Amino acid sequence: MESGPAIFAGAVFALFGGGLLTWTATRLRRREPVAEDVSQVASAALASLAAVAALAAGVWCFMRL
C-alpha cells in the first residue's frame, strides 16, 4: 500500500473510532440512550464493537507503512 493513502485511511479510521468510543462512553456516563428505541446494553455493545473495529483498522493501516 502506498504511504499517502495508508496515512489518510489510518487517520480517518482512528479519528472515527476514537470519537465513537468517546461519544458512547459519555452517553453511558450520563445515563442517556446511545440509540433510540434499542436496549441500552445492546446499543452500547454494538457501538463499542464498531469503535474498536475502526481503531483496529486504523492501527492496521498504520502498520502497513
PDB file of N, CA and C in Angstrom:
ATOM      1  N   MET A   1       0.850  -1.162   0.000  1.00  0.00           N
ATOM      2  CA  MET A   1       0.000   0.000   0.000  1.00  0.00           C
ATOM      3  C   MET A   1       0.900   1.230   0.000  1.00  0.00           C
ATOM      4  N   GLU A   2       0.518   2.235  -0.765  1.00  0.00           N
ATOM      5  CA  GLU A   2       1.299   3.455  -0.782  1.00  0.00           C
ATOM      6  C   GLU A   2       1.140   4.185   0.540  1.00  0.00           C
ATOM      7  N   SER A   3       2.141   4.970   0.891  1.00  0.00           N
ATOM      8  CA  SER A   3       2.123   5.579   2.219  1.00  0.00           C
ATOM      9  C   SER A   3       1.085   6.695   2.345  1.00  0.00           C
ATOM     10  N   GLY A   4       0.844   7.466   1.292  1.00  0.00           N
ATOM     11  CA  GLY A   4      -0.127   8.555   1.379  1.00  0.00           C
ATOM     12  C   GLY A   4      -1.534   8.084   1.693  1.00  0.00           C
ATOM     13  N   PRO A   5      -2.085   7.177   0.885  1.00  0.00           N
ATOM     14  CA  PRO A   5      -3.427   6.677   1.196  1.00  0.00           C
ATOM     15  C   PRO A   5      -3.497   5.906   2.517  1.00  0.00           C
ATOM     16  N   ALA A   6      -2.425   5.219   2.880  1.00  0.00           N
ATOM     17  CA  ALA A   6      -2.432   4.475   4.144  1.00  0.00           C
ATOM     18  C   ALA A   6      -2.492   5.424   5.329  1.00  0.00           C
ATOM     19  N   ILE A   7      -1.768   6.524   5.255  1.00  0.00           N
ATOM     20  CA  ILE A   7      -1.798   7.508   6.343  1.00  0.00           C
ATOM     21  C   ILE A   7      -3.177   8.143   6.444  1.00  0.00           C
ATOM     22  N   PHE A   8      -3.749   8.506   5.290  1.00  0.00           N
ATOM     23  CA  PHE A   8      -5.078   9.117   5.296  1.00  0.00           C
ATOM     24  C   PHE A   8      -6.125   8.151   5.844  1.00  0.00           C
ATOM     25  N   ALA A   9      -6.137   6.927   5.356  1.00  0.00           N
ATOM     26  CA  ALA A   9      -7.124   5.945   5.814  1.00  0.00           C
ATOM     27  C   ALA A   9      -6.934   5.628   7.297  1.00  0.00           C
ATOM     28  N   GLY A  10      -5.690   5.478   7.730  1.00  0.00           N
ATOM     29  CA  GLY A  10      -5.433   5.211   9.140  1.00  0.00           C
ATOM     30  C   GLY A  10      -5.896   6.342  10.034  1.00  0.00           C
ATOM     31  N   ALA A  11      -5.679   7.580   9.596  1.00  0.00           N
ATOM     32  CA  ALA A  11      -6.117   8.732  10.388  1.00  0.00           C
ATOM     33  C   ALA A  11      -7.638   8.802  10.458  1.00  0.00           C
ATOM     34  N   VAL A  12      -8.301   8.535   9.339  1.00  0.00           N
ATOM     35  CA  VAL A  12      -9.771   8.576   9.329  1.00  0.00           C
ATOM     36  C   VAL A  12     -10.340   7.498  10.241  1.00  0.00           C
ATOM     37  N   PHE A  13      -9.839   6.271  10.123  1.00  0.00           N
ATOM     38  CA  PHE A  13     -10.324   5.192  10.984  1.00  0.00           C
ATOM     39  C   PHE A  13     -10.045   5.488  12.454  1.00  0.00           C
ATOM     40  N   ALA A  14      -8.856   5.980  12.760  1.00  0.00           N
ATOM     41  CA  ALA A  14      -8.507   6.255  14.154  1.00  0.00           C
ATOM     42  C   ALA A  14      -9.373   7.380  14.734  1.00  0.00           C
ATOM     43  N   LEU A  15      -9.595   8.442  13.975  1.00  0.00           N
ATOM     44  CA  LEU A  15     -10.429   9.539  14.462  1.00  0.00           C
ATOM     45  C   LEU A  15     -11.881   9.107  14.643  1.00  0.00           C
ATOM     46  N   PHE A  16     -12.401   8.341  13.686  1.00  0.00           N
ATOM     47  CA  PHE A  16     -13.780   7.865  13.811  1.00  0.00           C
ATOM     48  C   PHE A  16     -13.926   6.931  15.011  1.00  0.00           C
ATOM     49  N   GLY A  17     -13.021   5.979  15.152  1.00  0.00           N
ATOM     50  CA  GLY A  17     -13.102   5.034  16.261  1.00  0.00           C
ATOM     51  C   GLY A  17     -12.959   5.719  17.612  1.00  0.00           C
ATOM     52  N   GLY A  18     -12.013   6.631  17.712  1.00  0.00           N
ATOM     53  CA  GLY A  18     -11.835   7.356  18.969  1.00  0.00           C
ATOM     54  C   GLY A  18     -13.025   8.240  19.299  1.00  0.00           C
ATOM     55  N   GLY A  19     -13.559   8.910  18.290  1.00  0.00           N
ATOM     56  CA  GLY A  19     -14.731   9.756  18.512  1.00  0.00           C
ATOM     57  C   GLY A  19     -15.955   8.953  18.913  1.00  0.00           C
ATOM     58  N   LEU A  20     -16.175   7.827  18.249  1.00  0.00           N
ATOM     59  CA  LEU A  20     -17.327   6.985  18.579  1.00  0.00           C
ATOM     60  C   LEU A  20     -17.192   6.388  19.970  1.00  0.00           C
ATOM     61  N   LEU A  21     -15.996   5.982  20.335  1.00  0.00           N
ATOM     62  CA  LEU A  21     -15.781   5.418  21.669  1.00  0.00           C
ATOM     63  C   LEU A  21     -15.986   6.487  22.745  1.00  0.00           C
ATOM     64  N   THR A  22     -15.487   7.691  22.508  1.00  0.00           N
ATOM     65  CA  THR A  22     -15.669   8.792  23.456  1.00  0.00           C
ATOM     66  C   THR A  22     -17.144   9.163  23.586  1.00  0.00           C
ATOM     67  N   TRP A  23     -17.849   9.252  22.442  1.00  0.00           N
ATOM     68  CA  TRP A  23     -19.262   9.604  22.454  1.00  0.00           C
ATOM     69  C   TRP A  23     -20.076   8.550  23.205  1.00  0.00           C
ATOM     70  N   THR A  24     -19.787   7.283  22.954  1.00  0.00           N
ATOM     71  CA  THR A  24     -20.517   6.198  23.616  1.00  0.00           C
ATOM     72  C   THR A  24     -20.271   6.230  25.122  1.00  0.00           C
ATOM     73  N   ALA A  25     -19.027   6.422  25.524  1.00  0.00           N
ATOM     74  CA  ALA A  25     -18.715   6.471  26.959  1.00  0.00           C
ATOM     75  C   ALA A  25     -19.385   7.667  27.629  1.00  0.00           C
ATOM     76  N   THR A  26     -19.436   8.795  26.946  1.00  0.00           N
ATOM     77  CA  THR A  26     -20.082   9.974  27.512  1.00  0.00           C
ATOM     78  C   THR A  26     -21.580   9.754  27.676  1.00  0.00           C
ATOM     79  N   ARG A  27     -22.205   9.162  26.673  1.00  0.00           N
ATOM     80  CA  ARG A  27     -23.642   8.886  26.765  1.00  0.00           C
ATOM     81  C   ARG A  27     -23.941   7.904  27.897  1.00  0.00           C
ATOM     82  N   LEU A  28     -23.106   6.900  28.056  1.00  0.00           N
ATOM     83  CA  LEU A  28     -23.325   5.928  29.125  1.00  0.00           C
ATOM     84  C   LEU A  28     -23.100   6.552  30.497  1.00  0.00           C
ATOM     85  N   ARG A  29     -22.095   7.398  30.614  1.00  0.00           N
ATOM     86  CA  ARG A  29     -21.807   8.028  31.901  1.00  0.00           C
ATOM     87  C   ARG A  29     -22.959   8.929  32.333  1.00  0.00           C
ATOM     88  N   ARG A  30     -23.606   9.603  31.377  1.00  0.00           N
ATOM     89  CA  ARG A  30     -24.735  10.483  31.686  1.00  0.00           C
ATOM     90  C   ARG A  30     -26.059   9.721  31.777  1.00  0.00           C
ATOM     91  N   ARG A  31     -26.010   8.413  31.552  1.00  0.00           N
ATOM     92  CA  ARG A  31     -27.193   7.553  31.554  1.00  0.00           C
ATOM     93  C   ARG A  31     -28.210   7.980  30.503  1.00  0.00           C
ATOM     94  N   GLU A  32     -27.714   8.441  29.356  1.00  0.00           N
ATOM     95  CA  GLU A  32     -28.559   8.792  28.221  1.00  0.00           C
ATOM     96  C   GLU A  32     -28.531   7.649  27.218  1.00  0.00           C
ATOM     97  N   PRO A  33     -29.563   7.511  26.398  1.00  0.00           N
ATOM     98  CA  PRO A  33     -29.580   6.406  25.439  1.00  0.00           C
ATOM     99  C   PRO A  33     -28.521   6.584  24.355  1.00  0.00           C
ATOM    100  N   VAL A  34     -27.906   5.496  23.974  1.00  0.00           N
ATOM    101  CA  VAL A  34     -26.931   5.511  22.888  1.00  0.00           C
ATOM    102  C   VAL A  34     -27.663   5.501  21.555  1.00  0.00           C
ATOM    103  N   ALA A  35     -28.789   4.793  21.478  1.00  0.00           N
ATOM    104  CA  ALA A  35     -29.628   4.755  20.287  1.00  0.00           C
ATOM    105  C   ALA A  35     -31.088   4.762  20.732  1.00  0.00           C
ATOM    106  N   GLU A  36     -31.938   5.341  19.910  1.00  0.00           N
ATOM    107  CA  GLU A  36     -33.366   5.421  20.226  1.00  0.00           C
ATOM    108  C   GLU A  36     -34.039   4.058  20.065  1.00  0.00           C
ATOM    109  N   ASP A  37     -34.927   3.742  20.989  1.00  0.00           N
ATOM    110  CA  ASP A  37     -35.765   2.535  20.938  1.00  0.00           C
ATOM    111  C   ASP A  37     -34.985   1.233  20.847  1.00  0.00           C
ATOM    112  N   VAL A  38     -33.797   1.197  21.437  1.00  0.00           N
ATOM    113  CA  VAL A  38     -32.973  -0.008  21.455  1.00  0.00           C
ATOM    114  C   VAL A  38     -32.507  -0.213  22.893  1.00  0.00           C
ATOM    115  N   SER A  39     -32.273  -1.449  23.255  1.00  0.00           N
ATOM    116  CA  SER A  39     -31.762  -1.748  24.587  1.00  0.00           C
ATOM    117  C   SER A  39     -30.449  -1.006  24.842  1.00  0.00           C
ATOM    118  N   GLN A  40     -30.304  -0.460  26.036  1.00  0.00           N
ATOM    119  CA  GLN A  40     -29.096   0.287  26.398  1.00  0.00           C
ATOM    120  C   GLN A  40     -27.846  -0.586  26.291  1.00  0.00           C
ATOM    121  N   VAL A  41     -27.956  -1.817  26.732  1.00  0.00           N
ATOM    122  CA  VAL A  41     -26.813  -2.727  26.699  1.00  0.00           C
ATOM    123  C   VAL A  41     -26.456  -3.097  25.264  1.00  0.00           C
ATOM    124  N   ALA A  42     -27.452  -3.411  24.468  1.00  0.00           N
ATOM    125  CA  ALA A  42     -27.201  -3.814  23.084  1.00  0.00           C
ATOM    126  C   ALA A  42     -26.616  -2.668  22.268  1.00  0.00           C
ATOM    127  N   SER A  43     -27.161  -1.469  22.421  1.00  0.00           N
ATOM    128  CA  SER A  43     -26.650  -0.341  21.648  1.00  0.00           C
ATOM    129  C   SER A  43     -25.240   0.048  22.083  1.00  0.00           C
ATOM    130  N   ALA A  44     -24.966  -0.009  23.369  1.00  0.00           N
ATOM    131  CA  ALA A  44     -23.623   0.306  23.849  1.00  0.00           C
ATOM    132  C   ALA A  44     -22.617  -0.737  23.380  1.00  0.00           C
ATOM    133  N   ALA A  45     -23.027  -2.006  23.397  1.00  0.00           N
ATOM    134  CA  ALA A  45     -22.120  -3.063  22.955  1.00  0.00           C
ATOM    135  C   ALA A  45     -21.829  -2.943  21.462  1.00  0.00           C
ATOM    136  N   LEU A  46     -22.846  -2.689  20.661  1.00  0.00           N
ATOM    137  CA  LEU A  46     -22.650  -2.573  19.221  1.00  0.00           C
ATOM    138  C   LEU A  46     -21.815  -1.344  18.866  1.00  0.00           C
ATOM    139  N   ALA A  47     -22.070  -0.218  19.528  1.00  0.00           N
ATOM    140  CA  ALA A  47     -21.289   0.986  19.269  1.00  0.00           C
ATOM    141  C   ALA A  47     -19.832   0.793  19.700  1.00  0.00           C
ATOM    142  N   SER A  48     -19.623   0.142  20.824  1.00  0.00           N
ATOM    143  CA  SER A  48     -18.252  -0.106  21.280  1.00  0.00           C
ATOM    144  C   SER A  48     -17.523  -1.065  20.349  1.00  0.00           C
ATOM    145  N   LEU A  49     -18.228  -2.071  19.870  1.00  0.00           N
ATOM    146  CA  LEU A  49     -17.630  -3.008  18.921  1.00  0.00           C
ATOM    147  C   LEU A  49     -17.240  -2.305  17.619  1.00  0.00           C
ATOM    148  N   ALA A  50     -18.091  -1.442  17.124  1.00  0.00           N
ATOM    149  CA  ALA A  50     -17.780  -0.688  15.905  1.00  0.00           C
ATOM    150  C   ALA A  50     -16.595   0.243  16.131  1.00  0.00           C
ATOM    151  N   ALA A  51     -16.517   0.862  17.303  1.00  0.00           N
ATOM    152  CA  ALA A  51     -15.408   1.758  17.605  1.00  0.00           C
ATOM    153  C   ALA A  51     -14.085   1.001  17.686  1.00  0.00           C
ATOM    154  N   VAL A  52     -14.093  -0.137  18.339  1.00  0.00           N
ATOM    155  CA  VAL A  52     -12.877  -0.936  18.449  1.00  0.00           C
ATOM    156  C   VAL A  52     -12.456  -1.473  17.082  1.00  0.00           C
ATOM    157  N   ALA A  53     -13.422  -1.847  16.261  1.00  0.00           N
ATOM    158  CA  ALA A  53     -13.103  -2.320  14.907  1.00  0.00           C
ATOM    159  C   ALA A  53     -12.484  -1.197  14.069  1.00  0.00           C
ATOM    160  N   ALA A  54     -13.006   0.009  14.193  1.00  0.00           N
ATOM    161  CA  ALA A  54     -12.437   1.139  13.458  1.00  0.00           C
ATOM    162  C   ALA A  54     -11.029   1.461  13.954  1.00  0.00           C
ATOM    163  N   LEU A  55     -10.821   1.406  15.252  1.00  0.00           N
ATOM    164  CA  LEU A  55      -9.473   1.638  15.793  1.00  0.00           C
ATOM    165  C   LEU A  55      -8.506   0.556  15.322  1.00  0.00           C
ATOM    166  N   ALA A  56      -8.967  -0.681  15.281  1.00  0.00           N
ATOM    167  CA  ALA A  56      -8.120  -1.770  14.796  1.00  0.00           C
ATOM    168  C   ALA A  56      -7.782  -1.585  13.320  1.00  0.00           C
ATOM    169  N   ALA A  57      -8.747  -1.130  12.526  1.00  0.00           N
ATOM    170  CA  ALA A  57      -8.477  -0.864  11.112  1.00  0.00           C
ATOM    171  C   ALA A  57      -7.471   0.270  10.953  1.00  0.00           C
ATOM    172  N   GLY A  58      -7.566   1.284  11.806  1.00  0.00           N
ATOM    173  CA  GLY A  58      -6.592   2.373  11.769  1.00  0.00           C
ATOM    174  C   GLY A  58      -5.193   1.904  12.121  1.00  0.00           C
ATOM    175  N   VAL A  59      -5.088   1.065  13.134  1.00  0.00           N
ATOM    176  CA  VAL A  59      -3.780   0.520  13.514  1.00  0.00           C
ATOM    177  C   VAL A  59      -3.224  -0.349  12.396  1.00  0.00           C
ATOM    178  N   TRP A  60      -4.096  -1.148  11.766  1.00  0.00           N
ATOM    179  CA  TRP A  60      -3.651  -1.991  10.652  1.00  0.00           C
ATOM    180  C   TRP A  60      -3.132  -1.135   9.500  1.00  0.00           C
ATOM    181  N   CYS A  61      -3.806  -0.037   9.194  1.00  0.00           N
ATOM    182  CA  CYS A  61      -3.340   0.845   8.111  1.00  0.00           C
ATOM    183  C   CYS A  61      -1.973   1.440   8.455  1.00  0.00           C
ATOM    184  N   PHE A  62      -1.803   1.851   9.706  1.00  0.00           N
ATOM    185  CA  PHE A  62      -0.509   2.433  10.097  1.00  0.00           C
ATOM    186  C   PHE A  62       0.594   1.384  10.123  1.00  0.00           C
ATOM    187  N   MET A  63       0.250   0.141  10.413  1.00  0.00           N
ATOM    188  CA  MET A  63       1.259  -0.912  10.430  1.00  0.00           C
ATOM    189  C   MET A  63       1.710  -1.281   9.013  1.00  0.00           C
ATOM    190  N   ARG A  64       0.917  -0.987   7.996  1.00  0.00           N
ATOM    191  CA  ARG A  64       1.246  -1.317   6.612  1.00  0.00           C
ATOM    192  C   ARG A  64       2.227  -0.329   5.990  1.00  0.00           C
ATOM    193  N   LEU A  65       2.598   0.718   6.706  1.00  0.00           N
ATOM    194  CA  LEU A  65       3.516   1.720   6.144  1.00  0.00           C
ATOM    195  C   LEU A  65       4.898   1.179   5.946  1.00  0.00           C
TER     196      LEU A  65
END
